[in-house]
Every structure is written in C-alpha cells, then in structure tokens.
C-alpha cells in the first residue's frame, strides 16, 4: 500500500488551486532512463495524460505505445502540462532543463508545478523554488530511494521538499510511484536524499568488507550471508545487494558514478553548517576507485570489487 506521510505545516499565502486527478491533470515528464521510464509507466497506468520530452525519441517508443505524447522542447512540454516531473542525471541537467532559456519554467503557466526527482543539490532546489515562486508557479524537490526495483514495483521512498500544501495535493500522482515523506521547505528533500546516500554508501562498504573478510577466511560468501542476514548485521542493503556481491553481479541498479556525486554533495551544500563525516569520505574514495577503474557505469554493489582488488583477489 502506498501512502503520503505528511504532517501539516503553516498555510501558504497563495494555495495551489487545482486538485490532482487523472481526468483533469496534464503530466509532463523528462527523464526516461532505467528508473524514469518505469516511474512514468505507473502514472500512465493510473490513467493520467502524460507528455514526455527526450533528446532521443526512439527511446520513448514503449511509453508512446502506452499512451504517452511527445514534445520537442522542455518549454513546449511545460506549456502542455500542469505538473512537470524531471528525473535526470545531475544538477547541471536540472539547471538547464528548469532554468534555461527554453526550459520548463519559461513555459509553465502560473499555478503550474515542477517536481524534480533527480538526486541533486539542495542549494539548487532552493534556487528553483525561488524562481518558480517569482513566476507564480511552485517547485517541489522529491528525490527517491529504492533503485530500479523500487521504480518497477512502485515502492520507492520519495523525500519531498517544498510547500506542504503542494506536496499534499501531489500525493494522488506521486503515490503511483511509492510512499511520500514530507521533509520541509525547498531543498529539504535533497538534503534527506544525501543523508540516505551516506547511510547506503557506508552500509555497502561494510557489507563488502565483511564479505571479503569471510572469503579470505575460507568461508563461502553465500553461506556467510545466510548466517548473518537475520542478526544485527542484516539490513535492506544486504537484502538488496548481498547476493549480487557474492555472485560478482555488478549490473547497474544505481550507477557507481552517481553515488560518488551524491556523497560529494554532502560536503558541498551551501545551505548551512557542513557536517564532519569521515566515514562517508572513505566511502566516497572507494566508490571513486570504481570510477577510476572504468566501472562508473556499473552498479553500486560493485564496490566489493575494489575491496577485493585491495586484497589481491579477482
């Protein structure tokens, strides 16, 4: 069951007037990679009218067969939409798509909403929020956790920042993709995601080192996983990635280069005091080792390959 876990905050001065429903709300979507295509498929299945923009429209054939329309520019897409979602690679993409001369905010009508689900910079999310309000629009930052499996199954954790009332009104469409948690004002969703990635990165490194230690001690890695998974060492990270590490299956569910980006943002946020995090610094070095080895496009569970190399193992 999907739900929105939201607690009311202060009322907005200019509440968003439109209720979200499949029969009346026009959705725009940019970003149809591994996760984005699965996420927007759930929205289409719920009966919403969806327009997509992609630099290579050949990649949108499957979504078009499910009823999606296409636009030739982000601005055109925004002009045809009430709510525009973005799920792209990095902060530079977000800035260009949302704030560029031919970007979403140049075409979105007053009262429109942009929802950025990219893992991006909190400071940029606050900038987008401010620019949207200047245009009588609204902006929500709503990065996700759960990987491609969560995207396929519609079970993502969605961390939302922005105006409470806007997030609440967006719940009918966002719950198609997972569970929404309201975190606070603009940028709060991105800060939550960075904290999430700090935990995930450290957990992956711990899992990798525990497994390599077990292998060096002569244990079967699969039996080791089975033995420890129900004890204190067990975790969602172990459940999702343990067998893949043991089997040396590094298929991407989340790119290693992306977690390097996310951990880097933890030390670069311009919104306040930067926390001292020696553990996440070490995690970033190990994931950066994957990228240096040419494995940036492999899955984050591949960090075990770095630990194995450090131990002279193949």
Protein backbone atom coordinates (compact mmCIF):
# COMPACT_ATOMS: atom_id res chain seq x y z
CA UNK A 1 0.00 0.00 0.00
CA UNK A 2 1.31 3.44 -0.89
CA UNK A 3 0.56 6.49 1.18
CA UNK A 4 1.68 10.03 1.87
CA UNK A 5 3.16 10.51 5.32
CA UNK A 6 2.69 14.26 5.71
CA UNK A 7 2.18 16.44 8.76
CA UNK A 8 0.59 19.85 8.30
CA UNK A 9 2.72 22.99 8.49
CA UNK A 10 1.93 26.68 8.15
CA UNK A 11 -0.55 27.68 5.47
CA UNK A 12 0.70 29.09 2.18
CA UNK A 13 -0.11 32.65 1.23
CA UNK A 14 -1.20 31.59 -2.27
CA UNK A 15 -2.52 28.00 -2.15
CA UNK A 16 -2.39 25.93 -5.31
CA UNK A 17 -5.98 25.90 -6.61
CA UNK A 18 -6.22 22.70 -8.65
CA UNK A 19 -6.88 19.20 -7.38
CA UNK A 20 -4.83 16.43 -8.98
CA UNK A 21 -6.78 13.77 -10.85
CA UNK A 22 -6.26 11.57 -13.93
CA UNK A 23 -9.22 13.18 -15.69
CA UNK A 24 -8.04 16.80 -15.38
CA UNK A 25 -4.30 16.96 -14.62
CA UNK A 26 -1.84 17.03 -17.50
CA UNK A 27 1.51 15.50 -16.56
CA UNK A 28 4.83 16.31 -18.21
CA UNK A 29 7.85 14.04 -17.76
CA UNK A 30 11.53 14.44 -18.61
CA UNK A 31 13.96 11.58 -17.97
CA UNK A 32 13.17 8.11 -19.32
CA UNK A 33 16.20 6.14 -18.21
CA UNK A 34 16.06 2.87 -16.26
CA UNK A 35 14.11 4.35 -13.37
CA UNK A 36 12.31 7.21 -15.06
CA UNK A 37 10.63 5.05 -17.69
CA UNK A 38 9.32 2.67 -15.02
CA UNK A 39 8.07 5.54 -12.86
CA UNK A 40 6.17 7.29 -15.63
CA UNK A 41 4.71 3.94 -16.71
CA UNK A 42 2.91 3.77 -13.35
CA UNK A 43 1.48 7.25 -13.94
CA UNK A 44 0.25 6.25 -17.39
CA UNK A 45 -1.28 3.08 -15.96
CA UNK A 46 -3.19 5.20 -13.44
CA UNK A 47 -4.91 6.98 -16.35
CA UNK A 48 -3.08 10.31 -16.42
CA UNK A 49 -2.45 12.20 -19.64
CA UNK A 50 1.35 12.30 -20.00
CA UNK A 51 3.62 14.21 -22.34
CA UNK A 52 7.31 13.29 -22.41
CA UNK A 53 10.44 15.00 -23.70
CA UNK A 54 13.54 13.04 -24.63
CA UNK A 55 16.58 14.04 -26.66
CA UNK A 56 16.29 10.68 -28.42
CA UNK A 57 12.62 10.00 -29.08
CA UNK A 58 13.47 6.48 -30.25
CA UNK A 59 13.87 5.63 -26.57
CA UNK A 60 10.26 6.66 -25.93
CA UNK A 61 8.65 4.10 -28.26
CA UNK A 62 7.46 1.84 -25.43
CA UNK A 63 5.98 4.76 -23.48
CA UNK A 64 4.27 6.08 -26.61
CA UNK A 65 2.69 2.65 -27.06
CA UNK A 66 1.27 3.06 -23.54
CA UNK A 67 -0.32 6.40 -24.46
CA UNK A 68 2.37 9.00 -23.85
CA UNK A 69 2.57 12.02 -26.12
CA UNK A 70 5.83 13.76 -27.02
CA UNK A 71 7.14 17.32 -27.03
CA UNK A 72 10.12 18.69 -28.94
CA UNK A 73 11.47 21.02 -26.21
CA UNK A 74 11.19 21.32 -22.43
CA UNK A 75 9.35 24.60 -22.91
CA UNK A 76 6.78 23.04 -25.23
CA UNK A 77 6.28 20.22 -22.75
CA UNK A 78 5.71 22.71 -19.92
CA UNK A 79 3.20 24.66 -21.99
CA UNK A 80 1.17 21.45 -22.38
CA UNK A 81 1.40 20.41 -18.72
CA UNK A 82 0.06 21.29 -15.27
CA UNK A 83 2.72 19.32 -13.37
CA UNK A 84 6.17 18.57 -14.82
CA UNK A 85 8.41 15.87 -13.36
CA UNK A 86 12.14 15.63 -14.03
CA UNK A 87 14.28 12.54 -13.34
CA UNK A 88 17.66 13.19 -14.95
CA UNK A 89 21.36 12.63 -14.35
CA UNK A 90 22.80 15.51 -12.37
CA UNK A 91 22.46 19.09 -11.17
CA UNK A 92 23.72 20.55 -14.46
CA UNK A 93 20.90 18.79 -16.30
CA UNK A 94 18.40 20.06 -13.72
CA UNK A 95 19.61 23.65 -14.05
CA UNK A 96 19.45 23.56 -17.85
CA UNK A 97 16.04 21.89 -18.04
CA UNK A 98 14.35 24.01 -15.38
CA UNK A 99 16.08 27.39 -15.52
CA UNK A 100 17.36 27.54 -19.12
CA UNK A 101 16.05 30.00 -21.70
CA UNK A 102 13.95 27.26 -23.30
CA UNK A 103 13.40 25.43 -20.02
CA UNK A 104 10.40 24.30 -18.04
CA UNK A 105 9.88 27.48 -16.04
CA UNK A 106 9.86 29.51 -19.27
CA UNK A 107 6.77 27.61 -20.42
CA UNK A 108 4.91 26.64 -17.26
CA UNK A 109 1.73 28.63 -16.71
CA UNK A 110 1.01 30.38 -13.38
CA UNK A 111 -0.16 27.82 -10.85
CA UNK A 112 1.87 25.07 -12.51
CA UNK A 113 4.17 22.79 -10.54
CA UNK A 114 7.59 21.35 -11.27
CA UNK A 115 8.75 18.27 -9.36
CA UNK A 116 12.43 17.38 -9.58
CA UNK A 117 13.06 13.74 -8.62
CA UNK A 118 16.74 13.84 -9.57
CA UNK A 119 19.30 13.42 -6.79
CA UNK A 120 20.61 16.97 -6.93
CA UNK A 121 21.92 19.85 -4.84
CA UNK A 122 19.81 21.30 -2.01
CA UNK A 123 21.02 24.81 -2.90
CA UNK A 124 19.86 24.37 -6.50
CA UNK A 125 16.48 23.09 -5.29
CA UNK A 126 16.09 26.25 -3.22
CA UNK A 127 17.04 28.36 -6.26
CA UNK A 128 14.49 26.58 -8.44
CA UNK A 129 11.86 27.03 -5.72
CA UNK A 130 12.53 30.79 -5.56
CA UNK A 131 12.45 31.20 -9.36
CA UNK A 132 9.22 29.23 -9.59
CA UNK A 133 7.52 31.41 -6.98
CA UNK A 134 8.62 34.55 -8.86
CA UNK A 135 6.69 33.18 -11.84
CA UNK A 136 3.64 32.33 -9.69
CA UNK A 137 4.48 28.63 -10.06
CA UNK A 138 5.53 26.07 -7.47
CA UNK A 139 8.53 23.76 -7.17
CA UNK A 140 9.00 20.56 -5.21
CA UNK A 141 12.24 18.62 -4.83
CA UNK A 142 11.42 14.93 -4.45
CA UNK A 143 14.40 12.60 -4.93
CA UNK A 144 13.82 8.90 -4.42
CA UNK A 145 15.41 5.80 -2.94
CA UNK A 146 14.77 2.20 -3.90
CA UNK A 147 16.63 1.73 -7.17
CA UNK A 148 15.25 0.26 -10.35
CA UNK A 149 13.43 -2.48 -8.42
CA UNK A 150 11.51 0.13 -6.42
CA UNK A 151 10.77 2.04 -9.63
CA UNK A 152 9.43 -1.08 -11.34
CA UNK A 153 7.34 -2.14 -8.36
CA UNK A 154 6.08 1.34 -7.47
CA UNK A 155 7.59 1.10 -3.97
CA UNK A 156 10.06 3.97 -3.99
CA UNK A 157 10.69 6.10 -0.92
CA UNK A 158 10.06 9.69 -2.04
CA UNK A 159 11.57 12.53 0.01
CA UNK A 160 9.64 15.76 -0.66
CA UNK A 161 10.69 19.33 0.00
CA UNK A 162 8.71 22.48 -0.77
CA UNK A 163 5.34 23.84 0.32
CA UNK A 164 3.39 21.35 2.39
CA UNK A 165 0.09 22.03 0.63
CA UNK A 166 1.61 21.44 -2.81
CA UNK A 167 3.15 18.14 -1.75
CA UNK A 168 -0.18 17.10 -0.24
CA UNK A 169 -2.01 17.93 -3.46
CA UNK A 170 0.57 15.97 -5.49
CA UNK A 171 0.06 12.82 -3.43
CA UNK A 172 -2.50 11.23 -5.79
CA UNK A 173 0.05 11.10 -8.62
CA UNK A 174 3.20 10.56 -6.56
CA UNK A 175 1.71 7.60 -4.70
CA UNK A 176 1.66 5.81 -8.08
CA UNK A 177 5.43 5.60 -7.66
CA UNK A 178 5.82 4.95 -3.95
CA UNK A 179 5.50 6.42 -0.47
CA UNK A 180 5.88 10.16 0.04
CA UNK A 181 7.53 11.64 3.12
CA UNK A 182 7.30 15.41 3.56
CA UNK A 183 10.63 16.74 4.87
CA UNK A 184 10.20 20.52 4.98
CA UNK A 185 10.83 23.56 2.81
CA UNK A 186 12.58 23.79 -0.54
CA UNK A 187 15.79 21.73 -0.64
CA UNK A 188 14.77 19.51 2.29
CA UNK A 189 14.03 16.54 0.05
CA UNK A 190 17.51 16.74 -1.45
CA UNK A 191 19.13 17.01 1.97
CA UNK A 192 17.19 13.91 3.05
CA UNK A 193 18.41 12.00 -0.01
CA UNK A 194 22.03 12.92 0.66
CA UNK A 195 21.66 11.61 4.22
CA UNK A 196 20.14 8.46 2.76
CA UNK A 197 23.09 8.01 0.42
CA UNK A 198 25.58 8.50 3.25
CA UNK A 199 23.92 5.56 5.03
CA UNK A 200 23.70 3.44 1.87
CA UNK A 201 27.33 4.08 0.91
CA UNK A 202 28.66 3.21 4.36
CA UNK A 203 26.44 0.12 4.53
CA UNK A 204 27.67 -1.10 1.15
CA UNK A 205 31.30 -0.65 2.18
CA UNK A 206 30.67 -2.50 5.45
CA UNK A 207 28.93 -5.33 3.59
CA UNK A 208 31.76 -5.52 1.04
CA UNK A 209 34.45 -5.66 3.72
CA UNK A 210 32.57 -8.24 5.78
CA UNK A 211 32.14 -10.44 2.72
CA UNK A 212 35.77 -10.15 1.64
CA UNK A 213 36.91 -10.95 5.18
CA UNK A 214 34.69 -14.06 5.14
CA UNK A 215 36.08 -15.12 1.77
CA UNK A 216 39.69 -14.61 2.91
CA UNK A 217 38.88 -16.71 5.98
CA UNK A 218 37.81 -19.55 3.72
CA UNK A 219 34.06 -19.17 4.15
CA UNK A 220 31.51 -19.49 1.36
CA UNK A 221 30.15 -15.99 0.85
CA UNK A 222 26.59 -17.19 0.22
CA UNK A 223 26.57 -19.27 3.40
CA UNK A 224 28.02 -16.30 5.28
CA UNK A 225 25.18 -14.08 4.03
CA UNK A 226 22.58 -16.64 5.05
CA UNK A 227 24.15 -16.92 8.51
CA UNK A 228 24.29 -13.19 9.32
CA UNK A 229 21.28 -11.74 7.50
CA UNK A 230 18.84 -12.22 10.40
CA UNK A 231 21.22 -10.86 13.03
CA UNK A 232 22.31 -7.32 13.79
CA UNK A 233 24.31 -7.18 10.55
CA UNK A 234 21.19 -7.72 8.44
CA UNK A 235 19.89 -4.72 6.51
CA UNK A 236 17.99 -3.63 3.44
CA UNK A 237 21.36 -3.11 1.74
CA UNK A 238 22.31 -6.71 2.48
CA UNK A 239 18.94 -7.94 1.23
CA UNK A 240 19.16 -5.94 -1.99
CA UNK A 241 22.84 -6.32 -2.83
CA UNK A 242 24.35 -9.19 -0.82
CA UNK A 243 23.75 -11.99 -3.30
CA UNK A 244 24.79 -9.78 -6.20
CA UNK A 245 28.10 -9.07 -4.47
CA UNK A 246 28.63 -12.76 -3.75
CA UNK A 247 27.89 -13.68 -7.36
CA UNK A 248 30.00 -10.81 -8.74
CA UNK A 249 26.90 -9.46 -10.47
CA UNK A 250 27.55 -5.76 -10.90
CA UNK A 251 24.61 -4.96 -13.16
CA UNK A 252 23.59 -1.37 -12.56
CA UNK A 253 20.61 -0.68 -10.34
CA UNK A 254 22.19 2.63 -9.40
CA UNK A 255 25.40 3.80 -11.11
CA UNK A 256 28.57 3.96 -9.03
CA UNK A 257 29.36 7.37 -10.53
CA UNK A 258 26.07 8.69 -9.18
CA UNK A 259 26.79 7.76 -5.57
CA UNK A 260 30.17 9.47 -5.92
CA UNK A 261 28.22 12.57 -6.97
CA UNK A 262 25.79 12.20 -4.06
CA UNK A 263 28.49 11.75 -1.43
CA UNK A 264 30.34 14.73 -2.88
CA UNK A 265 27.26 16.89 -2.41
CA UNK A 266 27.26 16.05 1.30
CA UNK A 267 30.38 18.18 1.72
CA UNK A 268 29.35 20.87 -0.75
CA UNK A 269 25.90 22.00 0.38
CA UNK A 270 25.79 25.77 0.68
CA UNK A 271 22.75 25.91 2.91
CA UNK A 272 24.37 25.82 6.34
CA UNK A 273 26.97 24.12 8.51
CA UNK A 274 28.71 21.23 6.78
CA UNK A 275 28.87 18.11 8.94
CA UNK A 276 32.18 16.36 9.51
CA UNK A 277 31.76 12.81 8.15
CA UNK A 278 34.99 10.82 7.97
CA UNK A 279 33.15 7.57 7.20
CA UNK A 280 31.37 8.96 4.15
CA UNK A 281 34.67 10.43 2.98
CA UNK A 282 36.18 6.94 2.99
CA UNK A 283 33.11 5.53 1.24
CA UNK A 284 33.44 8.17 -1.47
CA UNK A 285 37.09 7.22 -2.01
CA UNK A 286 36.19 3.57 -2.52
CA UNK A 287 33.36 4.32 -4.94
CA UNK A 288 35.69 6.75 -6.71
CA UNK A 289 38.05 3.77 -7.06
CA UNK A 290 35.34 2.02 -9.07
CA UNK A 291 35.09 5.02 -11.37
CA UNK A 292 38.88 5.19 -11.72
CA UNK A 293 38.88 1.51 -12.69
CA UNK A 294 36.44 2.30 -15.51
CA UNK A 295 33.45 0.88 -13.64
CA UNK A 296 31.45 4.05 -13.05
CA UNK A 297 28.51 2.70 -15.06
CA UNK A 298 28.35 -0.50 -13.01
CA UNK A 299 26.10 -0.92 -10.00
CA UNK A 300 26.99 0.43 -6.58
CA UNK A 301 27.32 -3.13 -5.25
CA UNK A 302 30.49 -3.31 -7.34
CA UNK A 303 32.35 -1.52 -4.56
CA UNK A 304 33.17 -5.04 -3.37
CA UNK A 305 35.39 -5.35 -6.46
CA UNK A 306 37.55 -2.52 -5.12
CA UNK A 307 37.89 -4.20 -1.75
CA UNK A 308 38.73 -7.49 -3.47
CA UNK A 309 41.43 -5.78 -5.55
CA UNK A 310 42.92 -4.25 -2.40
CA UNK A 311 43.16 -7.80 -1.03
CA UNK A 312 44.73 -9.28 -4.16
CA UNK A 313 41.55 -11.12 -5.14
CA UNK A 314 39.94 -11.27 -8.57
